[in-house]
PDB file of N, CA and C in Angstrom:
ATOM      1  N   MET A   1      43.880 -32.952 -64.104  1.00  0.00           N
ATOM      2  CA  MET A   1      42.679 -33.896 -64.164  1.00  0.00           C
ATOM      3  C   MET A   1      42.946 -35.016 -65.073  1.00  0.00           C
ATOM      4  N   TYR A   2      42.401 -36.705 -64.672  1.00  0.00           N
ATOM      5  CA  TYR A   2      42.120 -37.941 -65.104  1.00  0.00           C
ATOM      6  C   TYR A   2      41.083 -38.390 -66.180  1.00  0.00           C
ATOM      7  N   GLY A   3      41.986 -38.907 -67.099  1.00  0.00           N
ATOM      8  CA  GLY A   3      40.471 -39.192 -68.286  1.00  0.00           C
ATOM      9  C   GLY A   3      41.074 -40.787 -68.284  1.00  0.00           C
ATOM     10  N   LEU A   4      39.647 -41.666 -68.088  1.00  0.00           N
ATOM     11  CA  LEU A   4      39.105 -42.812 -67.679  1.00  0.00           C
ATOM     12  C   LEU A   4      39.165 -43.182 -69.351  1.00  0.00           C
ATOM     13  N   TYR A   5      39.056 -44.307 -70.431  1.00  0.00           N
ATOM     14  CA  TYR A   5      39.581 -44.046 -71.422  1.00  0.00           C
ATOM     15  C   TYR A   5      38.795 -46.312 -71.919  1.00  0.00           C
ATOM     16  N   ASP A   6      37.854 -45.974 -71.947  1.00  0.00           N
ATOM     17  CA  ASP A   6      37.297 -47.777 -71.993  1.00  0.00           C
ATOM     18  C   ASP A   6      38.443 -48.240 -73.122  1.00  0.00           C
ATOM     19  N   LYS A   7      38.059 -49.800 -73.713  1.00  0.00           N
ATOM     20  CA  LYS A   7      39.377 -50.152 -74.367  1.00  0.00           C
ATOM     21  C   LYS A   7      38.452 -50.092 -75.806  1.00  0.00           C
ATOM     22  N   GLU A   8      38.063 -49.345 -76.325  1.00  0.00           N
ATOM     23  CA  GLU A   8      37.780 -49.415 -77.759  1.00  0.00           C
ATOM     24  C   GLU A   8      38.408 -47.227 -77.796  1.00  0.00           C
ATOM     25  N   GLY A   9      38.399 -47.119 -77.012  1.00  0.00           N
ATOM     26  CA  GLY A   9      39.350 -45.552 -76.305  1.00  0.00           C
ATOM     27  C   GLY A   9      37.706 -44.708 -76.737  1.00  0.00           C
ATOM     28  N   ILE A  10      36.511 -45.031 -75.655  1.00  0.00           N
ATOM     29  CA  ILE A  10      36.219 -43.804 -76.188  1.00  0.00           C
ATOM     30  C   ILE A  10      36.067 -43.351 -74.287  1.00  0.00           C
ATOM     31  N   LEU A  11      35.743 -41.676 -74.211  1.00  0.00           N
ATOM     32  CA  LEU A  11      36.184 -41.541 -72.797  1.00  0.00           C
ATOM     33  C   LEU A  11      35.258 -41.916 -71.930  1.00  0.00           C
ATOM     34  N   ARG A  12      34.902 -41.997 -70.877  1.00  0.00           N
ATOM     35  CA  ARG A  12      34.186 -43.250 -70.426  1.00  0.00           C
ATOM     36  C   ARG A  12      33.826 -42.188 -68.332  1.00  0.00           C
ATOM     37  N   PHE A  13      34.977 -40.804 -67.843  1.00  0.00           N
ATOM     38  CA  PHE A  13      35.128 -40.471 -66.900  1.00  0.00           C
ATOM     39  C   PHE A  13      36.440 -39.328 -66.722  1.00  0.00           C
ATOM     40  N   VAL A  14      36.164 -38.125 -66.410  1.00  0.00           N
ATOM     41  CA  VAL A  14      37.234 -37.634 -66.168  1.00  0.00           C
ATOM     42  C   VAL A  14      37.219 -36.782 -64.610  1.00  0.00           C
ATOM     43  N   ASP A  15      38.225 -36.447 -64.348  1.00  0.00           N
ATOM     44  CA  ASP A  15      38.529 -36.011 -62.524  1.00  0.00           C
ATOM     45  C   ASP A  15      39.434 -35.976 -62.318  1.00  0.00           C
ATOM     46  N   SER A  16      39.388 -35.092 -61.326  1.00  0.00           N
ATOM     47  CA  SER A  16      40.679 -34.610 -60.898  1.00  0.00           C
ATOM     48  C   SER A  16      41.635 -35.856 -60.047  1.00  0.00           C
ATOM     49  N   ASP A  17      40.584 -35.973 -59.271  1.00  0.00           N
ATOM     50  CA  ASP A  17      41.021 -37.547 -58.261  1.00  0.00           C
ATOM     51  C   ASP A  17      41.625 -38.998 -59.406  1.00  0.00           C
ATOM     52  N   LYS A  18      42.329 -39.398 -59.330  1.00  0.00           N
ATOM     53  CA  LYS A  18      42.967 -40.475 -59.729  1.00  0.00           C
ATOM     54  C   LYS A  18      42.152 -41.627 -59.290  1.00  0.00           C
ATOM     55  N   ASP A  19      42.104 -41.709 -57.944  1.00  0.00           N
ATOM     56  CA  ASP A  19      41.654 -42.661 -57.306  1.00  0.00           C
ATOM     57  C   ASP A  19      39.875 -42.700 -57.233  1.00  0.00           C
ATOM     58  N   ALA A  20      39.651 -41.115 -57.840  1.00  0.00           N
ATOM     59  CA  ALA A  20      37.872 -41.560 -58.461  1.00  0.00           C
ATOM     60  C   ALA A  20      37.606 -42.237 -59.848  1.00  0.00           C
ATOM     61  N   CYS A  21      38.407 -42.083 -60.483  1.00  0.00           N
ATOM     62  CA  CYS A  21      38.644 -42.500 -61.572  1.00  0.00           C
ATOM     63  C   CYS A  21      38.969 -44.284 -61.458  1.00  0.00           C
ATOM     64  N   ILE A  22      39.574 -44.880 -61.130  1.00  0.00           N
ATOM     65  CA  ILE A  22      39.747 -46.136 -60.702  1.00  0.00           C
ATOM     66  C   ILE A  22      38.262 -46.828 -59.778  1.00  0.00           C
ATOM     67  N   ALA A  23      37.714 -45.624 -58.580  1.00  0.00           N
ATOM     68  CA  ALA A  23      36.333 -46.387 -58.169  1.00  0.00           C
ATOM     69  C   ALA A  23      35.309 -46.484 -59.829  1.00  0.00           C
ATOM     70  N   TYR A  24      35.343 -45.423 -60.400  1.00  0.00           N
ATOM     71  CA  TYR A  24      34.312 -45.468 -61.212  1.00  0.00           C
ATOM     72  C   TYR A  24      34.433 -46.705 -62.319  1.00  0.00           C
ATOM     73  N   ALA A  25      35.883 -47.114 -62.250  1.00  0.00           N
ATOM     74  CA  ALA A  25      36.554 -48.258 -63.780  1.00  0.00           C
ATOM     75  C   ALA A  25      35.653 -49.430 -62.468  1.00  0.00           C
ATOM     76  N   GLU A  26      35.620 -49.504 -60.815  1.00  0.00           N
ATOM     77  CA  GLU A  26      35.176 -50.687 -60.282  1.00  0.00           C
ATOM     78  C   GLU A  26      34.150 -50.456 -60.311  1.00  0.00           C
ATOM     79  N   LEU A  27      33.153 -49.641 -60.287  1.00  0.00           N
ATOM     80  CA  LEU A  27      32.128 -49.377 -60.261  1.00  0.00           C
ATOM     81  C   LEU A  27      31.399 -50.348 -61.384  1.00  0.00           C
ATOM     82  N   PHE A  28      31.562 -50.026 -62.568  1.00  0.00           N
ATOM     83  CA  PHE A  28      30.811 -50.530 -63.380  1.00  0.00           C
ATOM     84  C   PHE A  28      31.833 -52.122 -63.961  1.00  0.00           C
ATOM     85  N   GLU A  29      32.879 -52.300 -63.205  1.00  0.00           N
ATOM     86  CA  GLU A  29      33.662 -53.594 -63.602  1.00  0.00           C
ATOM     87  C   GLU A  29      34.329 -53.491 -64.621  1.00  0.00           C
ATOM     88  N   LEU A  30      34.975 -52.439 -64.621  1.00  0.00           N
ATOM     89  CA  LEU A  30      35.823 -52.382 -65.952  1.00  0.00           C
ATOM     90  C   LEU A  30      37.355 -53.071 -65.624  1.00  0.00           C
ATOM     91  N   GLY A  31      37.625 -54.387 -65.652  1.00  0.00           N
ATOM     92  CA  GLY A  31      39.358 -54.672 -65.338  1.00  0.00           C
ATOM     93  C   GLY A  31      39.954 -53.535 -65.531  1.00  0.00           C
ATOM     94  N   SER A  32      41.212 -53.962 -64.926  1.00  0.00           N
ATOM     95  CA  SER A  32      42.332 -53.122 -65.561  1.00  0.00           C
ATOM     96  C   SER A  32      42.493 -53.096 -66.959  1.00  0.00           C
ATOM     97  N   THR A  33      42.793 -54.535 -67.771  1.00  0.00           N
ATOM     98  CA  THR A  33      43.053 -54.482 -69.005  1.00  0.00           C
ATOM     99  C   THR A  33      41.792 -53.897 -69.995  1.00  0.00           C
ATOM    100  N   ASN A  34      40.327 -53.966 -69.128  1.00  0.00           N
ATOM    101  CA  ASN A  34      39.426 -53.119 -70.196  1.00  0.00           C
ATOM    102  C   ASN A  34      39.409 -51.453 -70.222  1.00  0.00           C
ATOM    103  N   TYR A  35      40.718 -50.712 -69.343  1.00  0.00           N
ATOM    104  CA  TYR A  35      40.320 -49.377 -69.562  1.00  0.00           C
ATOM    105  C   TYR A  35      42.063 -48.972 -69.562  1.00  0.00           C
ATOM    106  N   CYS A  36      41.812 -47.740 -69.838  1.00  0.00           N
ATOM    107  CA  CYS A  36      42.916 -46.618 -70.082  1.00  0.00           C
ATOM    108  C   CYS A  36      43.113 -45.675 -68.820  1.00  0.00           C
ATOM    109  N   LEU A  37      44.643 -45.313 -68.236  1.00  0.00           N
ATOM    110  CA  LEU A  37      44.200 -43.991 -67.200  1.00  0.00           C
ATOM    111  C   LEU A  37      44.464 -43.634 -67.821  1.00  0.00           C
ATOM    112  N   MET A  38      45.016 -42.072 -68.421  1.00  0.00           N
ATOM    113  CA  MET A  38      45.603 -41.070 -68.877  1.00  0.00           C
ATOM    114  C   MET A  38      45.360 -39.582 -67.693  1.00  0.00           C
ATOM    115  N   GLU A  39      46.699 -39.280 -67.906  1.00  0.00           N
ATOM    116  CA  GLU A  39      46.571 -38.044 -67.704  1.00  0.00           C
ATOM    117  C   GLU A  39      46.566 -36.614 -68.559  1.00  0.00           C
ATOM    118  N   LEU A  40      45.669 -35.976 -68.190  1.00  0.00           N
ATOM    119  CA  LEU A  40      44.781 -35.308 -68.878  1.00  0.00           C
ATOM    120  C   LEU A  40      45.866 -33.629 -68.628  1.00  0.00           C
ATOM    121  N   GLU A  41      46.344 -32.914 -69.722  1.00  0.00           N
ATOM    122  CA  GLU A  41      46.704 -31.292 -69.197  1.00  0.00           C
ATOM    123  C   GLU A  41      45.375 -31.164 -68.767  1.00  0.00           C
ATOM    124  N   ASN A  42      46.150 -30.223 -67.784  1.00  0.00           N
ATOM    125  CA  ASN A  42      45.331 -28.650 -67.370  1.00  0.00           C
ATOM    126  C   ASN A  42      45.646 -27.247 -67.768  1.00  0.00           C
ATOM    127  N   GLU A  43      45.457 -26.496 -68.820  1.00  0.00           N
ATOM    128  CA  GLU A  43      45.561 -26.013 -69.634  1.00  0.00           C
ATOM    129  C   GLU A  43      44.231 -25.069 -69.206  1.00  0.00           C
ATOM    130  N   THR A  44      44.717 -23.720 -68.713  1.00  0.00           N
ATOM    131  CA  THR A  44      43.722 -22.622 -69.388  1.00  0.00           C
ATOM    132  C   THR A  44      44.002 -21.583 -69.679  1.00  0.00           C
ATOM    133  N   LYS A  45      43.385 -21.187 -71.082  1.00  0.00           N
ATOM    134  CA  LYS A  45      44.245 -19.554 -71.425  1.00  0.00           C
ATOM    135  C   LYS A  45      43.115 -18.773 -71.195  1.00  0.00           C
ATOM    136  N   LYS A  46      43.684 -17.459 -71.505  1.00  0.00           N
ATOM    137  CA  LYS A  46      43.446 -16.290 -70.905  1.00  0.00           C
ATOM    138  C   LYS A  46      43.097 -15.558 -72.022  1.00  0.00           C
ATOM    139  N   SER A  47      41.802 -14.799 -72.917  1.00  0.00           N
ATOM    140  CA  SER A  47      42.071 -14.313 -73.293  1.00  0.00           C
ATOM    141  C   SER A  47      42.214 -12.486 -73.438  1.00  0.00           C
ATOM    142  N   LYS A  48      42.669 -11.363 -74.147  1.00  0.00           N
ATOM    143  CA  LYS A  48      42.560 -10.311 -73.840  1.00  0.00           C
ATOM    144  C   LYS A  48      41.216  -9.822 -74.838  1.00  0.00           C
ATOM    145  N   GLY A  49      40.624  -9.050 -73.455  1.00  0.00           N
ATOM    146  CA  GLY A  49      39.019  -8.297 -73.972  1.00  0.00           C
ATOM    147  C   GLY A  49      38.927  -7.066 -74.064  1.00  0.00           C
TER     148      GLY A  49
END
Protein backbone atom coordinates (compact mmCIF):
# COMPACT_ATOMS: atom_id res chain seq x y z
CA MET A 1 0.00 0.00 0.00
CA TYR A 2 1.09 3.54 -0.74
CA GLY A 3 -0.01 6.75 0.91
CA LEU A 4 0.13 10.16 -0.72
CA TYR A 5 0.54 13.03 1.73
CA ASP A 6 0.33 16.72 0.90
CA LYS A 7 2.99 19.20 1.99
CA GLU A 8 1.08 19.82 5.23
CA GLY A 9 1.28 16.15 6.16
CA ILE A 10 -2.37 15.32 5.47
CA LEU A 11 -3.05 11.91 3.97
CA ARG A 12 -4.79 12.56 0.66
CA PHE A 13 -4.93 9.16 -1.05
CA VAL A 14 -4.17 5.47 -0.36
CA ASP A 15 -3.87 2.71 -2.95
CA SER A 16 -1.96 -0.49 -3.55
CA ASP A 17 -0.78 0.86 -6.92
CA LYS A 18 2.00 3.44 -6.83
CA ASP A 19 1.04 4.75 -10.29
CA ALA A 20 -2.54 5.38 -9.11
CA CYS A 21 -1.20 7.60 -6.33
CA ILE A 22 0.89 9.57 -8.80
CA ALA A 23 -2.11 9.88 -11.14
CA TYR A 24 -4.12 11.29 -8.21
CA ALA A 25 -1.42 13.91 -7.61
CA GLU A 26 -1.44 14.84 -11.29
CA LEU A 27 -5.25 15.03 -11.37
CA PHE A 28 -5.27 17.57 -8.56
CA GLU A 29 -2.21 19.34 -9.97
CA LEU A 30 0.02 18.59 -7.00
CA GLY A 31 3.58 19.17 -8.12
CA SER A 32 6.24 16.71 -7.01
CA THR A 33 7.48 19.26 -4.46
CA ASN A 34 4.00 19.47 -2.92
CA TYR A 35 3.45 15.82 -1.98
CA CYS A 36 5.20 12.85 -0.45
CA LEU A 37 4.57 9.27 -1.55
CA MET A 38 5.25 6.70 1.16
CA GLU A 39 5.03 2.93 1.17
CA LEU A 40 2.77 1.83 4.02
CA GLU A 41 3.08 -1.46 5.88
CA ASN A 42 0.50 -3.97 4.82
CA GLU A 43 0.04 -5.85 8.07
CA THR A 44 -2.98 -7.91 8.99
CA LYS A 45 -3.47 -9.29 12.47
CA LYS A 46 -5.51 -12.37 13.26
CA SER A 47 -7.21 -12.65 16.59
CA LYS A 48 -8.05 -15.83 18.38
CA GLY A 49 -11.77 -16.37 18.66
